Each structure stands twice: as C-alpha cells, then as structure tokens.
Amino acid sequence: MELRDFGRLGQISALTLGGGGIAGVWGGTDRGEAVATVHAALDAGITMLDLAPSYGADFESERAVAEALRLRPAPDVMITSKVQLPDGASAARIRGSLQASLTRLNRDHLDVLLLHTQFRRTGTTLHETISPEEYRDEIVPTFEALRDEGLIRGWGITAVGDPAPIIEAFHHTPRPDTAQIVVNPLNQNGDLWIHGDTVRPDNAALISAATAAGVAVTAIRVVAAGSLTSSLDREVPPTHPAAVDFARAEPYRKLAAELGETPAALAHRYALTVPGVSTVVLGVKNRTELTECLTAEARGPLSPEALTALTPLTTP
C-alpha cells in the first residue's frame, strides 16, 4: 500500500476504509462481515478508518470498529469521526459528540475530528448549515482547544457544497488539517448538493485551494454513492440523485469496459491519480468490494490516455 503525505499528521495510506459501507449505508451487510472487512483492511496496509456517528443505525460504524479493534488491537491505526451541527455552532455540542464517539470507540482521543455540516454564505439562510462567522468564532476555537487538550490530534471539514465559503475557510488561520472533497470521474455530487441552482459545484477548485493552503485532501464519494458502479446495491426511487446519476453514467460504464476496468476500479484509480489527493475513502461494505479496491490501488495511476478518454464525460 502506497503511503502519502497527510500534512501535520504525518503519512497515510493511499486508501482509507470508510465507515458508511461497513455500517450498511451503501447496501446490506452485517456486523460479522463489517468486523472482517476492518481486519482485512488493516492487513492490507490501510492506516485510517473514517467514521461518523450518523453512519448506520445506532452508531453502527463506530460500534463495528470498536468491536474489530477489541478483537484485534491496532494501536497505530488512525481513526476519524465527525460532528454535525444542524442547529448552528455550539462548543457544547461539539464536545458532547466527541465524548460520545470516544466512549463508543473505547479511546481517549481521535486522530481527526471533522465538521460534518455544510457552509452557507454570509447573510444567507439555508437549513442545517453554518455561517463563516460561526466557523471562525465558535467551531475553529473549539477544535483548537480540543487539540490542545489532547482529545484530538487534528481536525478538518467536510468540504462539499458552495465553494466560496469553503475556500474562505482554507484561507482562514488556523487552517483545517484535512478537507473531505468529492472526487470522482464524472464530478457527481449527488444528494450532497443542497444549494439548488444558486451556485455551482467546483470540486477541482476546492482541491486546488486546499492544496495551495497546505490542507490535506481526503477524497470522498469516489463512486458517487454507487452511481459509478456496475449496479446500484440498494433500492432507491427513480428520482433519487443516485438513480439519476447512475443513468447518466452509462457512457462511463461503456468506457470502463473498453479500458478493461470495472466501473468501480476505474473510479478509484482515477481518484488516486488526481494531483493533491492524500487518501481515498472507500465505501465498501464487505471483503469482496475491498479486494476490488485494493487491486485497483496496486495497479497504480491511470495512464494519460485513460485520463484523456474520461475528460469528455466529466459533467460540469
């Protein structure tokens, strides 16, 4: 497994095991398979597990990882979790969410705590978002205090949505240690996009701005919530963003076949090839899917010819 720079936190494996898949967010699994998948990921050289309280019923991603590490301790693995602030910034809410995660995981600290709430622009209103002022005045000081207290080693943001306030956050100091940014061949944001037609996504600009600011990029939604795979593995209505994106991705699946790749493998190799990406979060739910991603990583970056072939398919 290739190791890459992860900023102030040292090095990280090119692949990170995400908590959504093992918690059943992306199709059915069970605790036994989730635990086995965690163990297989660690055996393969994956050095970070990316979790969240909201992944799965009853905090399943955190509970599954806690069980996996109780059965097979891995003291050097990095663990992230997240805090959502749907009702606005609150130091008490951040601290309470972190402490609950630490209790479930049976740990005394997290390696990274991520803000799991989108930004809105100053002077605007948007349900369940935070303003740049809340970020600067409440969230950043709280994260910095938690680091000083040894409860977290670093912190970051989920950098999806309106690019302007996110780029503003990259310029503000103290800066986040990492930003989770959508990276996939068709630039599909799916159900993460809550801004309608008022602004347009620009994930390439976010990657560029993060890299310029020294913020490590963690790639997420690499297969666009399943839309860039051979088939959706869960039932969704035809109007659901994942179903709409899946239909739009048919030319992509044809290209993957022409290149001798599975759609998922091509998507992961693409994300691993994007300049500035430190690690790619996997949404796998079992060892079979994990193996496909491990094989893709071992094959290395895409050729210039493959990247050129993908370019016309990228959606604006």
Protein backbone atom coordinates (compact mmCIF):
# COMPACT_ATOMS: atom_id res chain seq x y z
CA MET A 1 0.00 0.00 0.00
CA GLU A 2 1.40 3.36 -1.03
CA LEU A 3 1.92 5.88 1.76
CA ARG A 4 1.25 9.57 1.10
CA ASP A 5 1.77 12.84 2.92
CA PHE A 6 -1.03 13.78 5.31
CA GLY A 7 0.26 17.15 6.38
CA ARG A 8 0.95 17.77 10.05
CA LEU A 9 -0.38 14.29 10.92
CA GLY A 10 2.41 12.51 9.06
CA GLN A 11 1.81 9.83 6.45
CA ILE A 12 -1.32 7.96 5.49
CA SER A 13 -2.19 5.00 3.30
CA ALA A 14 -3.47 5.85 -0.17
CA LEU A 15 -6.73 4.13 0.76
CA THR A 16 -8.83 4.79 3.87
CA LEU A 17 -11.62 2.47 5.00
CA GLY A 18 -14.84 4.44 5.30
CA GLY A 19 -17.48 3.72 7.91
CA GLY A 20 -20.55 4.11 5.70
CA GLY A 21 -20.21 0.82 3.86
CA ILE A 22 -19.50 -1.32 6.91
CA ALA A 23 -22.48 0.33 8.64
CA GLY A 24 -24.91 -0.59 5.86
CA VAL A 25 -25.30 2.89 4.35
CA TRP A 26 -24.41 1.61 0.87
CA GLY A 27 -26.32 -1.67 0.91
CA GLY A 28 -26.81 -4.54 3.31
CA THR A 29 -24.09 -6.09 5.43
CA ASP A 30 -23.82 -7.43 8.96
CA ARG A 31 -21.59 -6.96 11.97
CA GLY A 32 -19.54 -10.07 11.34
CA GLU A 33 -18.70 -9.05 7.78
CA ALA A 34 -18.03 -5.49 8.88
CA VAL A 35 -15.53 -6.65 11.50
CA ALA A 36 -13.88 -8.99 9.00
CA THR A 37 -13.63 -6.15 6.48
CA VAL A 38 -11.91 -3.91 9.04
CA HIS A 39 -9.41 -6.67 9.79
CA ALA A 40 -8.75 -7.27 6.08
CA ALA A 41 -8.22 -3.54 5.51
CA LEU A 42 -5.65 -3.37 8.31
CA ASP A 43 -3.92 -6.47 6.98
CA ALA A 44 -3.68 -4.79 3.57
CA GLY A 45 -1.88 -1.76 5.00
CA ILE A 46 -4.76 0.70 5.38
CA THR A 47 -3.83 3.11 8.16
CA MET A 48 -7.02 5.16 8.69
CA LEU A 49 -10.68 4.41 9.42
CA ASP A 50 -13.14 7.19 8.64
CA LEU A 51 -16.27 7.00 10.79
CA ALA A 52 -19.23 9.13 11.84
CA PRO A 53 -22.00 8.85 14.45
CA SER A 54 -24.53 9.17 11.64
CA TYR A 55 -23.22 6.15 9.70
CA GLY A 56 -25.69 3.33 10.25
CA ALA A 57 -28.36 2.64 12.81
CA ASP A 58 -27.35 3.13 16.44
CA PHE A 59 -23.87 4.49 15.55
CA GLU A 60 -23.02 1.25 13.76
CA SER A 61 -19.77 2.37 12.11
CA GLU A 62 -18.25 3.31 15.46
CA ARG A 63 -19.60 0.23 17.21
CA ALA A 64 -18.37 -2.15 14.48
CA VAL A 65 -14.87 -0.65 14.53
CA ALA A 66 -14.80 -0.77 18.33
CA GLU A 67 -15.55 -4.50 18.17
CA ALA A 68 -12.99 -5.09 15.43
CA LEU A 69 -10.25 -3.36 17.40
CA ARG A 70 -11.24 -5.07 20.64
CA LEU A 71 -10.79 -8.44 18.92
CA ARG A 72 -7.58 -7.40 17.16
CA PRO A 73 -5.99 -4.28 18.66
CA ALA A 74 -4.29 -1.93 16.20
CA PRO A 75 -2.83 0.86 18.31
CA ASP A 76 -1.28 2.67 15.36
CA VAL A 77 -4.38 2.92 13.16
CA MET A 78 -5.76 6.43 12.80
CA ILE A 79 -9.45 6.96 13.50
CA THR A 80 -11.59 9.87 12.44
CA SER A 81 -15.14 10.70 13.37
CA LYS A 82 -17.42 13.65 12.81
CA VAL A 83 -19.76 16.13 14.42
CA GLN A 84 -22.92 17.53 12.84
CA LEU A 85 -24.22 20.96 13.82
CA PRO A 86 -27.68 21.19 12.24
CA ASP A 87 -28.85 23.83 14.68
CA GLY A 88 -25.80 26.08 14.48
CA ALA A 89 -22.35 26.17 16.03
CA SER A 90 -22.09 25.05 19.64
CA ALA A 91 -18.97 24.23 21.61
CA ALA A 92 -21.05 22.08 23.95
CA ARG A 93 -22.49 20.10 21.03
CA ILE A 94 -19.00 19.54 19.58
CA ARG A 95 -17.60 18.38 22.90
CA GLY A 96 -20.59 16.18 23.65
CA SER A 97 -20.47 14.49 20.24
CA LEU A 98 -16.74 13.87 20.53
CA GLN A 99 -17.04 12.39 24.01
CA ALA A 100 -19.83 10.08 22.91
CA SER A 101 -17.71 8.87 19.98
CA LEU A 102 -14.72 8.27 22.24
CA THR A 103 -16.90 6.27 24.63
CA ARG A 104 -18.31 4.09 21.85
CA LEU A 105 -14.83 3.54 20.41
CA ASN A 106 -13.22 2.98 23.82
CA ARG A 107 -10.47 5.51 23.04
CA ASP A 108 -9.06 8.52 24.81
CA HIS A 109 -8.60 10.59 21.63
CA LEU A 110 -9.41 10.78 17.92
CA ASP A 111 -6.80 11.37 15.29
CA VAL A 112 -9.13 13.65 13.32
CA LEU A 113 -12.48 15.24 14.20
CA LEU A 114 -14.36 16.54 11.18
CA LEU A 115 -17.09 19.13 10.89
CA HIS A 116 -19.90 17.27 9.09
CA THR A 117 -22.08 20.28 8.25
CA GLN A 118 -22.07 22.39 5.10
CA PHE A 119 -21.34 26.12 4.92
CA ARG A 120 -23.61 28.89 3.72
CA ARG A 121 -22.54 32.35 2.62
CA THR A 122 -22.60 35.32 4.98
CA GLY A 123 -26.01 36.98 5.02
CA THR A 124 -27.86 34.00 3.54
CA THR A 125 -30.13 31.37 5.07
CA LEU A 126 -30.05 27.64 4.34
CA HIS A 127 -31.41 24.88 6.56
CA GLU A 128 -28.88 22.91 8.62
CA THR A 129 -25.79 24.86 7.57
CA ILE A 130 -23.28 27.04 9.37
CA SER A 131 -22.08 30.54 8.51
CA PRO A 132 -18.46 31.59 8.05
CA GLU A 133 -18.78 33.63 11.23
CA GLU A 134 -19.89 30.58 13.25
CA TYR A 135 -16.99 28.63 11.80
CA ARG A 136 -14.39 31.26 12.67
CA ASP A 137 -15.73 32.36 16.05
CA GLU A 138 -17.02 29.12 17.59
CA ILE A 139 -16.01 25.99 15.69
CA VAL A 140 -12.33 26.65 14.99
CA PRO A 141 -11.54 27.79 18.57
CA THR A 142 -13.31 24.71 19.95
CA PHE A 143 -11.42 22.35 17.65
CA GLU A 144 -8.14 24.04 18.55
CA ALA A 145 -8.92 23.73 22.27
CA LEU A 146 -9.71 20.03 21.86
CA ARG A 147 -6.34 19.55 20.16
CA ASP A 148 -4.56 21.42 22.95
CA GLU A 149 -6.31 19.17 25.48
CA GLY A 150 -5.12 16.02 23.68
CA LEU A 151 -8.65 14.84 22.82
CA ILE A 152 -7.93 15.10 19.07
CA ARG A 153 -4.68 15.17 17.10
CA GLY A 154 -6.15 17.20 14.27
CA TRP A 155 -9.38 18.45 12.75
CA GLY A 156 -10.97 19.00 9.38
CA ILE A 157 -14.06 19.91 7.42
CA THR A 158 -16.39 18.16 5.02
CA ALA A 159 -15.70 20.43 2.05
CA VAL A 160 -18.80 19.85 -0.06
CA GLY A 161 -21.31 22.40 -1.28
CA ASP A 162 -20.90 26.08 -2.11
CA PRO A 163 -17.20 26.55 -2.96
CA ALA A 164 -16.90 30.20 -1.86
CA PRO A 165 -17.18 29.83 1.94
CA ILE A 166 -15.15 26.63 1.86
CA ILE A 167 -12.26 28.34 0.08
CA GLU A 168 -12.60 31.18 2.57
CA ALA A 169 -12.18 28.61 5.35
CA PHE A 170 -8.97 27.33 3.73
CA HIS A 171 -7.58 30.88 3.85
CA HIS A 172 -8.51 31.42 7.49
CA THR A 173 -5.97 30.53 10.15
CA PRO A 174 -5.81 28.22 11.98
CA ARG A 175 -6.47 26.07 8.93
CA PRO A 176 -8.01 22.59 8.97
CA ASP A 177 -5.61 19.66 8.77
CA THR A 178 -7.72 17.94 6.14
CA ALA A 179 -10.74 18.53 3.95
CA GLN A 180 -13.03 15.83 2.60
CA ILE A 181 -13.76 16.70 -1.04
CA VAL A 182 -15.84 14.91 -3.67
CA VAL A 183 -13.50 13.33 -6.25
CA ASN A 184 -14.93 11.15 -9.00
CA PRO A 185 -14.57 10.89 -12.79
CA LEU A 186 -17.93 12.49 -13.57
CA ASN A 187 -17.77 15.14 -10.84
CA GLN A 188 -21.11 13.91 -9.45
CA ASN A 189 -22.15 15.36 -6.08
CA GLY A 190 -25.50 13.55 -5.85
CA ASP A 191 -27.54 14.08 -2.72
CA LEU A 192 -24.72 16.08 -1.11
CA TRP A 193 -25.70 19.08 -3.25
CA ILE A 194 -28.23 21.16 -1.30
CA HIS A 195 -27.74 24.54 -2.98
CA GLY A 196 -30.03 24.19 -5.97
CA ASP A 197 -29.16 26.43 -8.90
CA THR A 198 -27.99 29.37 -6.80
CA VAL A 199 -24.32 28.37 -7.15
CA ARG A 200 -22.43 25.65 -8.98
CA PRO A 201 -20.13 22.98 -7.52
CA ASP A 202 -16.43 23.24 -8.30
CA ASN A 203 -14.57 20.33 -6.76
CA ALA A 204 -11.45 20.98 -8.83
CA ALA A 205 -11.21 24.49 -7.39
CA LEU A 206 -11.63 23.11 -3.88
CA ILE A 207 -8.80 20.62 -4.39
CA SER A 208 -6.57 23.35 -5.80
CA ALA A 209 -7.34 25.77 -2.97
CA ALA A 210 -6.85 23.13 -0.28
CA THR A 211 -3.53 22.04 -1.73
CA ALA A 212 -2.32 25.63 -2.01
CA ALA A 213 -3.24 26.23 1.65
CA GLY A 214 -1.49 23.10 2.87
CA VAL A 215 -4.75 21.31 3.72
CA ALA A 216 -4.55 17.57 3.04
CA VAL A 217 -7.26 16.37 0.64
CA THR A 218 -9.28 13.31 1.59
CA ALA A 219 -11.26 12.12 -1.44
CA ILE A 220 -14.87 11.04 -0.84
CA ARG A 221 -17.81 9.84 -2.96
CA VAL A 222 -15.36 8.24 -5.39
CA VAL A 223 -18.08 6.05 -6.91
CA ALA A 224 -20.74 8.75 -6.42
CA ALA A 225 -22.82 6.83 -3.88
CA GLY A 226 -22.79 3.77 -6.16
CA SER A 227 -23.66 5.60 -9.37
CA LEU A 228 -20.28 4.78 -10.88
CA THR A 229 -20.51 1.04 -10.28
CA SER A 230 -21.98 -1.81 -12.31
CA SER A 231 -25.29 -1.67 -10.43
CA LEU A 232 -26.84 0.16 -7.51
CA ASP A 233 -26.80 -2.12 -4.50
CA ARG A 234 -29.78 -0.63 -2.69
CA GLU A 235 -33.34 0.31 -3.58
CA VAL A 236 -33.83 4.00 -4.36
CA PRO A 237 -36.68 5.79 -6.19
CA PRO A 238 -36.04 6.61 -9.86
CA THR A 239 -35.88 10.31 -8.99
CA HIS A 240 -33.26 9.84 -6.26
CA PRO A 241 -29.96 11.58 -7.15
CA ALA A 242 -28.12 8.24 -7.09
CA ALA A 243 -30.55 6.73 -9.59
CA VAL A 244 -30.41 9.81 -11.81
CA ASP A 245 -26.61 9.84 -11.72
CA PHE A 246 -26.47 6.10 -12.37
CA ALA A 247 -28.47 6.54 -15.57
CA ARG A 248 -26.27 9.44 -16.66
CA ALA A 249 -23.18 7.30 -16.10
CA GLU A 250 -23.97 4.69 -18.76
CA PRO A 251 -21.34 6.12 -21.19
CA TYR A 252 -18.84 5.92 -18.34
CA ARG A 253 -19.56 2.21 -17.80
CA LYS A 254 -19.09 1.59 -21.52
CA LEU A 255 -15.74 3.38 -21.42
CA ALA A 256 -14.65 1.37 -18.37
CA ALA A 257 -15.36 -1.84 -20.29
CA GLU A 258 -13.36 -0.56 -23.26
CA LEU A 259 -10.45 0.18 -20.92
CA GLY A 260 -10.67 -3.30 -19.38
CA GLU A 261 -11.75 -1.96 -15.98
CA THR A 262 -14.75 -2.40 -13.76
CA PRO A 263 -16.53 0.93 -13.23
CA ALA A 264 -15.62 0.96 -9.54
CA ALA A 265 -11.96 0.12 -10.15
CA LEU A 266 -11.68 2.86 -12.78
CA ALA A 267 -13.24 5.39 -10.40
CA HIS A 268 -10.82 4.52 -7.62
CA ARG A 269 -7.79 4.61 -9.90
CA TYR A 270 -8.98 7.99 -11.17
CA ALA A 271 -9.23 9.45 -7.65
CA LEU A 272 -5.82 8.07 -6.75
CA THR A 273 -4.39 9.77 -9.84
CA VAL A 274 -5.81 13.25 -9.12
CA PRO A 275 -2.96 15.55 -8.03
CA GLY A 276 -3.21 16.69 -4.42
CA VAL A 277 -5.24 13.76 -3.09
CA SER A 278 -3.69 12.31 0.07
CA THR A 279 -6.07 9.41 0.59
CA VAL A 280 -9.23 7.94 -0.95
CA VAL A 281 -12.09 6.88 1.33
CA LEU A 282 -13.62 3.53 0.41
CA GLY A 283 -17.37 3.00 0.75
CA VAL A 284 -17.05 -0.79 0.69
CA LYS A 285 -19.35 -2.97 2.76
CA ASN A 286 -17.59 -6.34 2.51
CA ARG A 287 -14.27 -8.02 1.79
CA THR A 288 -15.13 -8.67 -1.85
CA GLU A 289 -15.56 -4.96 -2.58
CA LEU A 290 -12.47 -4.17 -0.52
CA THR A 291 -10.40 -6.59 -2.60
CA GLU A 292 -11.52 -4.87 -5.82
CA CYS A 293 -10.31 -1.52 -4.45
CA LEU A 294 -7.04 -2.94 -3.17
CA THR A 295 -6.37 -4.43 -6.60
CA ALA A 296 -7.13 -1.08 -8.25
CA GLU A 297 -4.70 0.73 -5.94
CA ALA A 298 -1.97 -1.82 -6.62
CA ARG A 299 -2.27 -1.20 -10.37
CA GLY A 300 -1.16 2.38 -9.91
CA PRO A 301 -2.29 5.63 -11.50
CA LEU A 302 -4.22 5.87 -14.74
CA SER A 303 -2.35 6.47 -17.97
CA PRO A 304 -2.56 9.86 -19.67
CA GLU A 305 -4.55 8.17 -22.43
CA ALA A 306 -7.17 6.89 -19.97
CA LEU A 307 -7.47 10.32 -18.38
CA THR A 308 -7.94 11.89 -21.79
CA ALA A 309 -10.67 9.37 -22.60
CA LEU A 310 -12.50 10.30 -19.38
CA THR A 311 -12.35 14.05 -19.92
CA PRO A 312 -15.38 14.40 -22.25
CA LEU A 313 -17.57 12.52 -19.76
CA THR A 314 -16.97 14.89 -16.86
CA THR A 315 -20.18 16.74 -16.01
CA PRO A 316 -19.95 20.48 -15.30
